[in-house]
Amino acid sequence: MAEKGIGYIDAHLVASAKIEKDVLIWTADKRLARIAESLNLLNVLKYHYGTIN
C-alpha cells in the first residue's frame, strides 16, 4: 500500500475493516479515504465545512 500513499497502520485498518462485516472507516485523511472508498469501506464524514472530498 506504500505506493498508494498510506502507511502500515492505515493499511492494517483497511485490512481489518475489510475482514469484519459491517465495519466502515471514518477518516479525515484524504489518502486513506481514497483507498477506503475504492473498497466500499468509507463512511463519509460531514463537518460544518461540508463533506470531505
C-alpha atoms as a PDB file:
ATOM      1  CA  MET A   1       0.000   0.000   0.000  1.00  0.00           C
ATOM      2  CA  ALA A   2       3.022   2.274   0.175  1.00  0.00           C
ATOM      3  CA  GLU A   3       2.594   3.132  -3.499  1.00  0.00           C
ATOM      4  CA  LYS A   4      -0.914   4.337  -2.608  1.00  0.00           C
ATOM      5  CA  GLY A   5       0.467   6.780  -0.044  1.00  0.00           C
ATOM      6  CA  ILE A   6      -0.690   5.131   3.181  1.00  0.00           C
ATOM      7  CA  GLY A   7       1.449   3.606   5.902  1.00  0.00           C
ATOM      8  CA  TYR A   8       1.395   0.300   7.737  1.00  0.00           C
ATOM      9  CA  ILE A   9      -1.109   1.422  10.368  1.00  0.00           C
ATOM     10  CA  ASP A  10      -3.588   2.691   7.779  1.00  0.00           C
ATOM     11  CA  ALA A  11      -3.107  -0.489   5.729  1.00  0.00           C
ATOM     12  CA  HIS A  12      -3.846  -2.522   8.860  1.00  0.00           C
ATOM     13  CA  LEU A  13      -7.031  -0.521   9.468  1.00  0.00           C
ATOM     14  CA  VAL A  14      -8.161  -1.141   5.884  1.00  0.00           C
ATOM     15  CA  ALA A  15      -7.410  -4.866   6.144  1.00  0.00           C
ATOM     16  CA  SER A  16      -9.252  -5.159   9.469  1.00  0.00           C
ATOM     17  CA  ALA A  17     -12.287  -3.294   8.132  1.00  0.00           C
ATOM     18  CA  LYS A  18     -12.318  -5.495   5.029  1.00  0.00           C
ATOM     19  CA  ILE A  19     -12.252  -8.701   7.108  1.00  0.00           C
ATOM     20  CA  GLU A  20     -15.008  -7.707   9.527  1.00  0.00           C
ATOM     21  CA  LYS A  21     -18.645  -7.466   8.478  1.00  0.00           C
ATOM     22  CA  ASP A  22     -20.385  -4.071   8.604  1.00  0.00           C
ATOM     23  CA  VAL A  23     -17.269  -2.093   9.528  1.00  0.00           C
ATOM     24  CA  LEU A  24     -16.644   1.262   7.869  1.00  0.00           C
ATOM     25  CA  ILE A  25     -13.710   3.634   8.142  1.00  0.00           C
ATOM     26  CA  TRP A  26     -14.202   7.206   9.325  1.00  0.00           C
ATOM     27  CA  THR A  27     -11.251   9.400   8.461  1.00  0.00           C
ATOM     28  CA  ALA A  28     -10.256  12.934   7.607  1.00  0.00           C
ATOM     29  CA  ASP A  29      -7.099  11.624   5.863  1.00  0.00           C
ATOM     30  CA  LYS A  30      -7.604  12.079   2.115  1.00  0.00           C
ATOM     31  CA  ARG A  31      -5.280   9.244   1.087  1.00  0.00           C
ATOM     32  CA  LEU A  32      -6.857   6.755   3.470  1.00  0.00           C
ATOM     33  CA  ALA A  33     -10.333   7.935   2.438  1.00  0.00           C
ATOM     34  CA  ARG A  34      -9.499   7.340  -1.227  1.00  0.00           C
ATOM     35  CA  ILE A  35      -8.404   3.747  -0.516  1.00  0.00           C
ATOM     36  CA  ALA A  36     -11.382   3.067   1.767  1.00  0.00           C
ATOM     37  CA  GLU A  37     -13.785   4.459  -0.815  1.00  0.00           C
ATOM     38  CA  SER A  38     -12.324   2.268  -3.555  1.00  0.00           C
ATOM     39  CA  LEU A  39     -13.049  -0.770  -1.354  1.00  0.00           C
ATOM     40  CA  ASN A  40     -16.526   0.452  -0.322  1.00  0.00           C
ATOM     41  CA  LEU A  41     -15.359   0.899   3.258  1.00  0.00           C
ATOM     42  CA  LEU A  42     -15.675   4.663   3.620  1.00  0.00           C
ATOM     43  CA  ASN A  43     -18.255   6.234   5.878  1.00  0.00           C
ATOM     44  CA  VAL A  44     -18.493   9.821   4.682  1.00  0.00           C
ATOM     45  CA  LEU A  45     -17.841  12.362   7.404  1.00  0.00           C
ATOM     46  CA  LYS A  46     -19.731  15.614   7.294  1.00  0.00           C
ATOM     47  CA  TYR A  47     -18.439  18.645   9.112  1.00  0.00           C
ATOM     48  CA  HIS A  48     -19.907  22.097   9.323  1.00  0.00           C
ATOM     49  CA  TYR A  49     -17.498  22.797   6.428  1.00  0.00           C
ATOM     50  CA  GLY A  50     -19.201  20.210   4.222  1.00  0.00           C
ATOM     51  CA  THR A  51     -18.255  16.766   3.026  1.00  0.00           C
ATOM     52  CA  ILE A  52     -14.628  15.680   2.774  1.00  0.00           C
ATOM     53  CA  ASN A  53     -13.629  15.205  -0.863  1.00  0.00           C
END
